[in-house]
Amino acid sequence: MERKNKKQKTVMTFDELIERRHGKVGTQKRTEFEIKAKSFAIGEIIKEERRLANMTQDELAHKTGTKKSFISRIENGHSDIQLSTLFKLVELGLGRKVLLTIE
């Protein structure tokens, strides 16, 4: 016998889930979430580029005049990074180029 009160599962898109949890685009809560997400993404990019360059965090820190702990915080998304620091890490430390696009 089928239960009539059985709740149906609804499938949400990723965007719907983000909106439910962090608010609509343009709200302060959503903007703060997106800033943290982008900081995390930048850290992941730096980490991957460092690995591709076969460098340790210590080596990158030494090459750019920073500390290993700072590199670690950036790679783990736990530190805001200034644009000048981003350029120094990527261009001086890793020999890569930063391209910036504003939409």
PDB file of N, CA and C in Angstrom:
ATOM      1  N   MET A   1       0.832  -1.176   0.000  1.00  0.00           N
ATOM      2  CA  MET A   1       0.000   0.000   0.000  1.00  0.00           C
ATOM      3  C   MET A   1       0.885   1.251   0.000  1.00  0.00           C
ATOM      4  N   GLU A   2       0.624   2.201  -0.877  1.00  0.00           N
ATOM      5  CA  GLU A   2       1.423   3.409  -1.007  1.00  0.00           C
ATOM      6  C   GLU A   2       0.976   4.458   0.004  1.00  0.00           C
ATOM      7  N   ARG A   3       1.958   5.114   0.616  1.00  0.00           N
ATOM      8  CA  ARG A   3       1.642   6.172   1.581  1.00  0.00           C
ATOM      9  C   ARG A   3       1.320   7.462   0.834  1.00  0.00           C
ATOM     10  N   LYS A   4       0.212   8.084   1.179  1.00  0.00           N
ATOM     11  CA  LYS A   4      -0.199   9.300   0.502  1.00  0.00           C
ATOM     12  C   LYS A   4       0.565  10.519   1.005  1.00  0.00           C
ATOM     13  N   ASN A   5       1.065  10.500   2.222  1.00  0.00           N
ATOM     14  CA  ASN A   5       1.757  11.646   2.801  1.00  0.00           C
ATOM     15  C   ASN A   5       3.258  11.626   2.548  1.00  0.00           C
ATOM     16  N   LYS A   6       3.695  10.707   1.740  1.00  0.00           N
ATOM     17  CA  LYS A   6       5.118  10.584   1.468  1.00  0.00           C
ATOM     18  C   LYS A   6       5.614  11.842   0.757  1.00  0.00           C
ATOM     19  N   LYS A   7       6.638  12.484   1.335  1.00  0.00           N
ATOM     20  CA  LYS A   7       7.194  13.698   0.738  1.00  0.00           C
ATOM     21  C   LYS A   7       8.029  13.334  -0.477  1.00  0.00           C
ATOM     22  N   GLN A   8       7.877  14.116  -1.519  1.00  0.00           N
ATOM     23  CA  GLN A   8       8.684  13.918  -2.703  1.00  0.00           C
ATOM     24  C   GLN A   8       9.986  14.686  -2.544  1.00  0.00           C
ATOM     25  N   LYS A   9      11.050  14.086  -2.976  1.00  0.00           N
ATOM     26  CA  LYS A   9      12.348  14.758  -2.943  1.00  0.00           C
ATOM     27  C   LYS A   9      12.408  15.722  -4.118  1.00  0.00           C
ATOM     28  N   THR A  10      12.880  16.922  -3.826  1.00  0.00           N
ATOM     29  CA  THR A  10      13.071  17.883  -4.906  1.00  0.00           C
ATOM     30  C   THR A  10      14.557  18.036  -5.136  1.00  0.00           C
ATOM     31  N   VAL A  11      14.903  18.177  -6.376  1.00  0.00           N
ATOM     32  CA  VAL A  11      16.294  18.335  -6.751  1.00  0.00           C
ATOM     33  C   VAL A  11      16.525  19.814  -7.042  1.00  0.00           C
ATOM     34  N   MET A  12      17.529  20.379  -6.377  1.00  0.00           N
ATOM     35  CA  MET A  12      17.867  21.782  -6.594  1.00  0.00           C
ATOM     36  C   MET A  12      19.124  21.870  -7.439  1.00  0.00           C
ATOM     37  N   THR A  13      19.197  22.927  -8.210  1.00  0.00           N
ATOM     38  CA  THR A  13      20.424  23.191  -8.940  1.00  0.00           C
ATOM     39  C   THR A  13      21.441  23.757  -7.957  1.00  0.00           C
ATOM     40  N   PHE A  14      22.685  23.801  -8.381  1.00  0.00           N
ATOM     41  CA  PHE A  14      23.734  24.369  -7.540  1.00  0.00           C
ATOM     42  C   PHE A  14      23.428  25.838  -7.241  1.00  0.00           C
ATOM     43  N   ASP A  15      22.991  26.580  -8.250  1.00  0.00           N
ATOM     44  CA  ASP A  15      22.663  27.997  -8.058  1.00  0.00           C
ATOM     45  C   ASP A  15      21.534  28.182  -7.057  1.00  0.00           C
ATOM     46  N   GLU A  16      20.539  27.324  -7.113  1.00  0.00           N
ATOM     47  CA  GLU A  16      19.426  27.409  -6.156  1.00  0.00           C
ATOM     48  C   GLU A  16      19.909  27.121  -4.739  1.00  0.00           C
ATOM     49  N   LEU A  17      20.781  26.157  -4.594  1.00  0.00           N
ATOM     50  CA  LEU A  17      21.325  25.822  -3.284  1.00  0.00           C
ATOM     51  C   LEU A  17      22.139  26.991  -2.721  1.00  0.00           C
ATOM     52  N   ILE A  18      22.990  27.586  -3.553  1.00  0.00           N
ATOM     53  CA  ILE A  18      23.789  28.735  -3.120  1.00  0.00           C
ATOM     54  C   ILE A  18      22.877  29.890  -2.729  1.00  0.00           C
ATOM     55  N   GLU A  19      21.838  30.137  -3.520  1.00  0.00           N
ATOM     56  CA  GLU A  19      20.911  31.219  -3.204  1.00  0.00           C
ATOM     57  C   GLU A  19      20.178  30.965  -1.894  1.00  0.00           C
ATOM     58  N   ARG A  20      19.783  29.745  -1.662  1.00  0.00           N
ATOM     59  CA  ARG A  20      19.081  29.412  -0.416  1.00  0.00           C
ATOM     60  C   ARG A  20      20.003  29.612   0.784  1.00  0.00           C
ATOM     61  N   ARG A  21      21.248  29.204   0.634  1.00  0.00           N
ATOM     62  CA  ARG A  21      22.179  29.253   1.759  1.00  0.00           C
ATOM     63  C   ARG A  21      22.812  30.632   1.961  1.00  0.00           C
ATOM     64  N   HIS A  22      23.071  31.360   0.850  1.00  0.00           N
ATOM     65  CA  HIS A  22      23.837  32.606   0.947  1.00  0.00           C
ATOM     66  C   HIS A  22      23.103  33.840   0.435  1.00  0.00           C
ATOM     67  N   GLY A  23      21.866  33.689  -0.001  1.00  0.00           N
ATOM     68  CA  GLY A  23      21.078  34.838  -0.440  1.00  0.00           C
ATOM     69  C   GLY A  23      21.173  35.089  -1.929  1.00  0.00           C
ATOM     70  N   LYS A  24      20.362  36.028  -2.363  1.00  0.00           N
ATOM     71  CA  LYS A  24      20.322  36.377  -3.787  1.00  0.00           C
ATOM     72  C   LYS A  24      21.550  37.172  -4.179  1.00  0.00           C
ATOM     73  N   VAL A  25      21.898  37.101  -5.465  1.00  0.00           N
ATOM     74  CA  VAL A  25      23.019  37.863  -6.004  1.00  0.00           C
ATOM     75  C   VAL A  25      22.769  39.342  -5.726  1.00  0.00           C
ATOM     76  N   GLY A  26      23.800  40.005  -5.237  1.00  0.00           N
ATOM     77  CA  GLY A  26      23.694  41.429  -4.939  1.00  0.00           C
ATOM     78  C   GLY A  26      23.466  41.751  -3.482  1.00  0.00           C
ATOM     79  N   THR A  27      23.053  40.750  -2.697  1.00  0.00           N
ATOM     80  CA  THR A  27      22.883  41.000  -1.263  1.00  0.00           C
ATOM     81  C   THR A  27      24.249  40.967  -0.585  1.00  0.00           C
ATOM     82  N   GLN A  28      24.339  41.607   0.568  1.00  0.00           N
ATOM     83  CA  GLN A  28      25.619  41.660   1.278  1.00  0.00           C
ATOM     84  C   GLN A  28      26.107  40.265   1.645  1.00  0.00           C
ATOM     85  N   LYS A  29      25.203  39.415   2.128  1.00  0.00           N
ATOM     86  CA  LYS A  29      25.591  38.054   2.520  1.00  0.00           C
ATOM     87  C   LYS A  29      26.150  37.277   1.329  1.00  0.00           C
ATOM     88  N   ARG A  30      25.510  37.397   0.178  1.00  0.00           N
ATOM     89  CA  ARG A  30      25.954  36.679  -1.016  1.00  0.00           C
ATOM     90  C   ARG A  30      27.293  37.221  -1.503  1.00  0.00           C
ATOM     91  N   THR A  31      27.449  38.547  -1.474  1.00  0.00           N
ATOM     92  CA  THR A  31      28.702  39.154  -1.914  1.00  0.00           C
ATOM     93  C   THR A  31      29.852  38.701  -1.027  1.00  0.00           C
ATOM     94  N   GLU A  32      29.640  38.667   0.290  1.00  0.00           N
ATOM     95  CA  GLU A  32      30.678  38.202   1.212  1.00  0.00           C
ATOM     96  C   GLU A  32      31.049  36.748   0.930  1.00  0.00           C
ATOM     97  N   PHE A  33      30.051  35.912   0.642  1.00  0.00           N
ATOM     98  CA  PHE A  33      30.318  34.519   0.295  1.00  0.00           C
ATOM     99  C   PHE A  33      31.147  34.427  -0.986  1.00  0.00           C
ATOM    100  N   GLU A  34      30.772  35.199  -2.003  1.00  0.00           N
ATOM    101  CA  GLU A  34      31.473  35.143  -3.280  1.00  0.00           C
ATOM    102  C   GLU A  34      32.912  35.629  -3.155  1.00  0.00           C
ATOM    103  N   ILE A  35      33.153  36.622  -2.332  1.00  0.00           N
ATOM    104  CA  ILE A  35      34.518  37.099  -2.102  1.00  0.00           C
ATOM    105  C   ILE A  35      35.358  35.995  -1.463  1.00  0.00           C
ATOM    106  N   LYS A  36      34.800  35.315  -0.460  1.00  0.00           N
ATOM    107  CA  LYS A  36      35.535  34.211   0.179  1.00  0.00           C
ATOM    108  C   LYS A  36      35.777  33.074  -0.803  1.00  0.00           C
ATOM    109  N   ALA A  37      34.789  32.789  -1.637  1.00  0.00           N
ATOM    110  CA  ALA A  37      34.936  31.714  -2.625  1.00  0.00           C
ATOM    111  C   ALA A  37      36.034  32.052  -3.634  1.00  0.00           C
ATOM    112  N   LYS A  38      36.113  33.306  -4.032  1.00  0.00           N
ATOM    113  CA  LYS A  38      37.151  33.708  -4.983  1.00  0.00           C
ATOM    114  C   LYS A  38      38.530  33.683  -4.341  1.00  0.00           C
ATOM    115  N   SER A  39      38.611  34.053  -3.068  1.00  0.00           N
ATOM    116  CA  SER A  39      39.888  33.963  -2.357  1.00  0.00           C
ATOM    117  C   SER A  39      40.364  32.518  -2.299  1.00  0.00           C
ATOM    118  N   PHE A  40      39.426  31.608  -2.037  1.00  0.00           N
ATOM    119  CA  PHE A  40      39.757  30.189  -2.024  1.00  0.00           C
ATOM    120  C   PHE A  40      40.247  29.736  -3.400  1.00  0.00           C
ATOM    121  N   ALA A  41      39.553  30.173  -4.459  1.00  0.00           N
ATOM    122  CA  ALA A  41      39.925  29.783  -5.824  1.00  0.00           C
ATOM    123  C   ALA A  41      41.315  30.304  -6.184  1.00  0.00           C
ATOM    124  N   ILE A  42      41.623  31.536  -5.799  1.00  0.00           N
ATOM    125  CA  ILE A  42      42.950  32.093  -6.061  1.00  0.00           C
ATOM    126  C   ILE A  42      44.012  31.255  -5.350  1.00  0.00           C
ATOM    127  N   GLY A  43      43.736  30.876  -4.118  1.00  0.00           N
ATOM    128  CA  GLY A  43      44.670  30.027  -3.374  1.00  0.00           C
ATOM    129  C   GLY A  43      44.900  28.693  -4.059  1.00  0.00           C
ATOM    130  N   GLU A  44      43.841  28.107  -4.577  1.00  0.00           N
ATOM    131  CA  GLU A  44      43.961  26.828  -5.287  1.00  0.00           C
ATOM    132  C   GLU A  44      44.792  26.977  -6.559  1.00  0.00           C
ATOM    133  N   ILE A  45      44.605  28.082  -7.261  1.00  0.00           N
ATOM    134  CA  ILE A  45      45.384  28.325  -8.482  1.00  0.00           C
ATOM    135  C   ILE A  45      46.866  28.476  -8.143  1.00  0.00           C
ATOM    136  N   ILE A  46      47.154  29.251  -7.110  1.00  0.00           N
ATOM    137  CA  ILE A  46      48.554  29.432  -6.706  1.00  0.00           C
ATOM    138  C   ILE A  46      49.164  28.105  -6.283  1.00  0.00           C
ATOM    139  N   LYS A  47      48.419  27.332  -5.523  1.00  0.00           N
ATOM    140  CA  LYS A  47      48.910  26.020  -5.084  1.00  0.00           C
ATOM    141  C   LYS A  47      49.220  25.122  -6.277  1.00  0.00           C
ATOM    142  N   GLU A  48      48.319  25.071  -7.245  1.00  0.00           N
ATOM    143  CA  GLU A  48      48.525  24.215  -8.421  1.00  0.00           C
ATOM    144  C   GLU A  48      49.716  24.703  -9.247  1.00  0.00           C
ATOM    145  N   GLU A  49      49.818  26.004  -9.457  1.00  0.00           N
ATOM    146  CA  GLU A  49      50.943  26.541 -10.225  1.00  0.00           C
ATOM    147  C   GLU A  49      52.269  26.289  -9.506  1.00  0.00           C
ATOM    148  N   ARG A  50      52.258  26.388  -8.192  1.00  0.00           N
ATOM    149  CA  ARG A  50      53.475  26.108  -7.413  1.00  0.00           C
ATOM    150  C   ARG A  50      53.866  24.645  -7.579  1.00  0.00           C
ATOM    151  N   ARG A  51      52.892  23.765  -7.522  1.00  0.00           N
ATOM    152  CA  ARG A  51      53.176  22.334  -7.703  1.00  0.00           C
ATOM    153  C   ARG A  51      53.697  22.045  -9.110  1.00  0.00           C
ATOM    154  N   LEU A  52      53.098  22.687 -10.111  1.00  0.00           N
ATOM    155  CA  LEU A  52      53.564  22.503 -11.494  1.00  0.00           C
ATOM    156  C   LEU A  52      54.984  23.010 -11.669  1.00  0.00           C
ATOM    157  N   ALA A  53      55.366  24.010 -10.879  1.00  0.00           N
ATOM    158  CA  ALA A  53      56.730  24.542 -10.933  1.00  0.00           C
ATOM    159  C   ALA A  53      57.686  23.737 -10.055  1.00  0.00           C
ATOM    160  N   ASN A  54      57.188  22.658  -9.455  1.00  0.00           N
ATOM    161  CA  ASN A  54      57.975  21.806  -8.561  1.00  0.00           C
ATOM    162  C   ASN A  54      58.632  22.603  -7.435  1.00  0.00           C
ATOM    163  N   MET A  55      57.856  23.488  -6.831  1.00  0.00           N
ATOM    164  CA  MET A  55      58.357  24.319  -5.743  1.00  0.00           C
ATOM    165  C   MET A  55      57.617  23.985  -4.454  1.00  0.00           C
ATOM    166  N   THR A  56      58.316  24.113  -3.361  1.00  0.00           N
ATOM    167  CA  THR A  56      57.679  23.995  -2.051  1.00  0.00           C
ATOM    168  C   THR A  56      57.171  25.375  -1.638  1.00  0.00           C
ATOM    169  N   GLN A  57      56.356  25.401  -0.607  1.00  0.00           N
ATOM    170  CA  GLN A  57      55.913  26.683  -0.062  1.00  0.00           C
ATOM    171  C   GLN A  57      57.117  27.487   0.431  1.00  0.00           C
ATOM    172  N   ASP A  58      58.072  26.809   1.050  1.00  0.00           N
ATOM    173  CA  ASP A  58      59.295  27.480   1.521  1.00  0.00           C
ATOM    174  C   ASP A  58      60.045  28.140   0.367  1.00  0.00           C
ATOM    175  N   GLU A  59      60.182  27.425  -0.733  1.00  0.00           N
ATOM    176  CA  GLU A  59      60.909  27.968  -1.882  1.00  0.00           C
ATOM    177  C   GLU A  59      60.202  29.187  -2.473  1.00  0.00           C
ATOM    178  N   LEU A  60      58.886  29.102  -2.590  1.00  0.00           N
ATOM    179  CA  LEU A  60      58.132  30.238  -3.118  1.00  0.00           C
ATOM    180  C   LEU A  60      58.220  31.429  -2.168  1.00  0.00           C
ATOM    181  N   ALA A  61      58.132  31.169  -0.887  1.00  0.00           N
ATOM    182  CA  ALA A  61      58.238  32.239   0.101  1.00  0.00           C
ATOM    183  C   ALA A  61      59.600  32.914   0.033  1.00  0.00           C
ATOM    184  N   HIS A  62      60.653  32.119  -0.042  1.00  0.00           N
ATOM    185  CA  HIS A  62      62.013  32.667  -0.116  1.00  0.00           C
ATOM    186  C   HIS A  62      62.192  33.512  -1.382  1.00  0.00           C
ATOM    187  N   LYS A  63      61.694  33.010  -2.491  1.00  0.00           N
ATOM    188  CA  LYS A  63      61.855  33.688  -3.775  1.00  0.00           C
ATOM    189  C   LYS A  63      61.100  35.026  -3.816  1.00  0.00           C
ATOM    190  N   THR A  64      60.026  35.134  -3.040  1.00  0.00           N
ATOM    191  CA  THR A  64      59.195  36.337  -3.089  1.00  0.00           C
ATOM    192  C   THR A  64      59.305  37.203  -1.831  1.00  0.00           C
ATOM    193  N   GLY A  65      60.171  36.808  -0.905  1.00  0.00           N
ATOM    194  CA  GLY A  65      60.367  37.614   0.297  1.00  0.00           C
ATOM    195  C   GLY A  65      59.206  37.563   1.273  1.00  0.00           C
ATOM    196  N   THR A  66      58.496  36.456   1.284  1.00  0.00           N
ATOM    197  CA  THR A  66      57.394  36.275   2.228  1.00  0.00           C
ATOM    198  C   THR A  66      57.719  35.106   3.141  1.00  0.00           C
ATOM    199  N   LYS A  67      56.753  34.678   3.936  1.00  0.00           N
ATOM    200  CA  LYS A  67      56.953  33.541   4.831  1.00  0.00           C
ATOM    201  C   LYS A  67      56.120  32.354   4.367  1.00  0.00           C
ATOM    202  N   LYS A  68      56.601  31.175   4.700  1.00  0.00           N
ATOM    203  CA  LYS A  68      55.887  29.941   4.351  1.00  0.00           C
ATOM    204  C   LYS A  68      54.469  29.958   4.908  1.00  0.00           C
ATOM    205  N   SER A  69      54.323  30.447   6.139  1.00  0.00           N
ATOM    206  CA  SER A  69      52.996  30.478   6.768  1.00  0.00           C
ATOM    207  C   SER A  69      52.032  31.361   5.975  1.00  0.00           C
ATOM    208  N   PHE A  70      52.541  32.443   5.386  1.00  0.00           N
ATOM    209  CA  PHE A  70      51.707  33.318   4.569  1.00  0.00           C
ATOM    210  C   PHE A  70      51.267  32.599   3.294  1.00  0.00           C
ATOM    211  N   ILE A  71      52.195  31.905   2.647  1.00  0.00           N
ATOM    212  CA  ILE A  71      51.865  31.126   1.449  1.00  0.00           C
ATOM    213  C   ILE A  71      50.805  30.081   1.798  1.00  0.00           C
ATOM    214  N   SER A  72      50.972  29.420   2.922  1.00  0.00           N
ATOM    215  CA  SER A  72      50.023  28.401   3.356  1.00  0.00           C
ATOM    216  C   SER A  72      48.633  28.997   3.571  1.00  0.00           C
ATOM    217  N   ARG A  73      48.557  30.146   4.230  1.00  0.00           N
ATOM    218  CA  ARG A  73      47.259  30.788   4.479  1.00  0.00           C
ATOM    219  C   ARG A  73      46.582  31.172   3.165  1.00  0.00           C
ATOM    220  N   ILE A  74      47.351  31.671   2.214  1.00  0.00           N
ATOM    221  CA  ILE A  74      46.777  32.034   0.908  1.00  0.00           C
ATOM    222  C   ILE A  74      46.267  30.785   0.201  1.00  0.00           C
ATOM    223  N   GLU A  75      47.082  29.740   0.168  1.00  0.00           N
ATOM    224  CA  GLU A  75      46.697  28.514  -0.535  1.00  0.00           C
ATOM    225  C   GLU A  75      45.492  27.841   0.091  1.00  0.00           C
ATOM    226  N   ASN A  76      45.262  28.078   1.358  1.00  0.00           N
ATOM    227  CA  ASN A  76      44.113  27.478   2.042  1.00  0.00           C
ATOM    228  C   ASN A  76      42.918  28.427   2.131  1.00  0.00           C
ATOM    229  N   GLY A  77      43.013  29.594   1.480  1.00  0.00           N
ATOM    230  CA  GLY A  77      41.904  30.532   1.457  1.00  0.00           C
ATOM    231  C   GLY A  77      41.661  31.236   2.765  1.00  0.00           C
ATOM    232  N   HIS A  78      42.677  31.300   3.628  1.00  0.00           N
ATOM    233  CA  HIS A  78      42.518  31.914   4.948  1.00  0.00           C
ATOM    234  C   HIS A  78      43.145  33.296   5.040  1.00  0.00           C
ATOM    235  N   SER A  79      43.488  33.882   3.919  1.00  0.00           N
ATOM    236  CA  SER A  79      44.108  35.201   3.940  1.00  0.00           C
ATOM    237  C   SER A  79      43.690  35.978   2.709  1.00  0.00           C
ATOM    238  N   ASP A  80      43.306  37.222   2.936  1.00  0.00           N
ATOM    239  CA  ASP A  80      43.065  38.099   1.797  1.00  0.00           C
ATOM    240  C   ASP A  80      44.415  38.419   1.181  1.00  0.00           C
ATOM    241  N   ILE A  81      44.439  38.529  -0.104  1.00  0.00           N
ATOM    242  CA  ILE A  81      45.695  38.783  -0.790  1.00  0.00           C
ATOM    243  C   ILE A  81      45.583  40.108  -1.532  1.00  0.00           C
ATOM    244  N   GLN A  82      46.563  40.959  -1.350  1.00  0.00           N
ATOM    245  CA  GLN A  82      46.596  42.212  -2.083  1.00  0.00           C
ATOM    246  C   GLN A  82      46.994  41.920  -3.524  1.00  0.00           C
ATOM    247  N   LEU A  83      46.533  42.775  -4.407  1.00  0.00           N
ATOM    248  CA  LEU A  83      46.837  42.585  -5.818  1.00  0.00           C
ATOM    249  C   LEU A  83      48.337  42.598  -6.073  1.00  0.00           C
ATOM    250  N   SER A  84      49.066  43.480  -5.394  1.00  0.00           N
ATOM    251  CA  SER A  84      50.518  43.540  -5.583  1.00  0.00           C
ATOM    252  C   SER A  84      51.178  42.235  -5.136  1.00  0.00           C
ATOM    253  N   THR A  85      50.655  41.635  -4.088  1.00  0.00           N
ATOM    254  CA  THR A  85      51.198  40.356  -3.606  1.00  0.00           C
ATOM    255  C   THR A  85      50.887  39.243  -4.595  1.00  0.00           C
ATOM    256  N   LEU A  86      49.689  39.259  -5.155  1.00  0.00           N
ATOM    257  CA  LEU A  86      49.320  38.260  -6.163  1.00  0.00           C
ATOM    258  C   LEU A  86      50.272  38.320  -7.346  1.00  0.00           C
ATOM    259  N   PHE A  87      50.538  39.544  -7.836  1.00  0.00           N
ATOM    260  CA  PHE A  87      51.463  39.702  -8.958  1.00  0.00           C
ATOM    261  C   PHE A  87      52.861  39.216  -8.574  1.00  0.00           C
ATOM    262  N   LYS A  88      53.301  39.533  -7.359  1.00  0.00           N
ATOM    263  CA  LYS A  88      54.638  39.118  -6.926  1.00  0.00           C
ATOM    264  C   LYS A  88      54.740  37.590  -6.867  1.00  0.00           C
ATOM    265  N   LEU A  89      53.745  36.946  -6.276  1.00  0.00           N
ATOM    266  CA  LEU A  89      53.785  35.480  -6.158  1.00  0.00           C
ATOM    267  C   LEU A  89      53.748  34.807  -7.528  1.00  0.00           C
ATOM    268  N   VAL A  90      52.837  35.259  -8.373  1.00  0.00           N
ATOM    269  CA  VAL A  90      52.639  34.588  -9.661  1.00  0.00           C
ATOM    270  C   VAL A  90      53.741  34.944 -10.658  1.00  0.00           C
ATOM    271  N   GLU A  91      54.041  36.229 -10.784  1.00  0.00           N
ATOM    272  CA  GLU A  91      54.983  36.635 -11.828  1.00  0.00           C
ATOM    273  C   GLU A  91      56.441  36.501 -11.404  1.00  0.00           C
ATOM    274  N   LEU A  92      56.772  36.989 -10.225  1.00  0.00           N
ATOM    275  CA  LEU A  92      58.158  36.881  -9.750  1.00  0.00           C
ATOM    276  C   LEU A  92      58.453  35.469  -9.239  1.00  0.00           C
ATOM    277  N   GLY A  93      57.552  34.944  -8.421  1.00  0.00           N
ATOM    278  CA  GLY A  93      57.796  33.646  -7.806  1.00  0.00           C
ATOM    279  C   GLY A  93      57.626  32.460  -8.725  1.00  0.00           C
ATOM    280  N   LEU A  94      56.587  32.497  -9.563  1.00  0.00           N
ATOM    281  CA  LEU A  94      56.264  31.333 -10.385  1.00  0.00           C
ATOM    282  C   LEU A  94      56.571  31.527 -11.867  1.00  0.00           C
ATOM    283  N   GLY A  95      56.946  32.740 -12.255  1.00  0.00           N
ATOM    284  CA  GLY A  95      57.276  32.990 -13.659  1.00  0.00           C
ATOM    285  C   GLY A  95      56.085  32.917 -14.595  1.00  0.00           C
ATOM    286  N   ARG A  96      54.907  33.174 -14.061  1.00  0.00           N
ATOM    287  CA  ARG A  96      53.679  33.149 -14.847  1.00  0.00           C
ATOM    288  C   ARG A  96      53.139  34.580 -14.977  1.00  0.00           C
ATOM    289  N   LYS A  97      52.071  34.770 -15.732  1.00  0.00           N
ATOM    290  CA  LYS A  97      51.457  36.079 -15.922  1.00  0.00           C
ATOM    291  C   LYS A  97      50.071  36.098 -15.318  1.00  0.00           C
ATOM    292  N   VAL A  98      49.696  37.229 -14.737  1.00  0.00           N
ATOM    293  CA  VAL A  98      48.336  37.431 -14.236  1.00  0.00           C
ATOM    294  C   VAL A  98      47.594  38.261 -15.261  1.00  0.00           C
ATOM    295  N   LEU A  99      46.439  37.797 -15.673  1.00  0.00           N
ATOM    296  CA  LEU A  99      45.560  38.552 -16.550  1.00  0.00           C
ATOM    297  C   LEU A  99      44.303  38.859 -15.750  1.00  0.00           C
ATOM    298  N   LEU A 100      43.896  40.102 -15.741  1.00  0.00           N
ATOM    299  CA  LEU A 100      42.760  40.534 -14.939  1.00  0.00           C
ATOM    300  C   LEU A 100      41.639  41.005 -15.861  1.00  0.00           C
ATOM    301  N   THR A 101      40.436  40.503 -15.635  1.00  0.00           N
ATOM    302  CA  THR A 101      39.279  40.896 -16.426  1.00  0.00           C
ATOM    303  C   THR A 101      38.195  41.418 -15.495  1.00  0.00           C
ATOM    304  N   ILE A 102      37.619  42.522 -15.859  1.00  0.00           N
ATOM    305  CA  ILE A 102      36.500  43.079 -15.099  1.00  0.00           C
ATOM    306  C   ILE A 102      35.287  43.079 -16.020  1.00  0.00           C
ATOM    307  N   GLU A 103      34.203  42.512 -15.542  1.00  0.00           N
ATOM    308  CA  GLU A 103      32.966  42.423 -16.354  1.00  0.00           C
ATOM    309  C   GLU A 103      31.923  43.356 -15.798  1.00  0.00           C
TER     310      GLU A 103
END
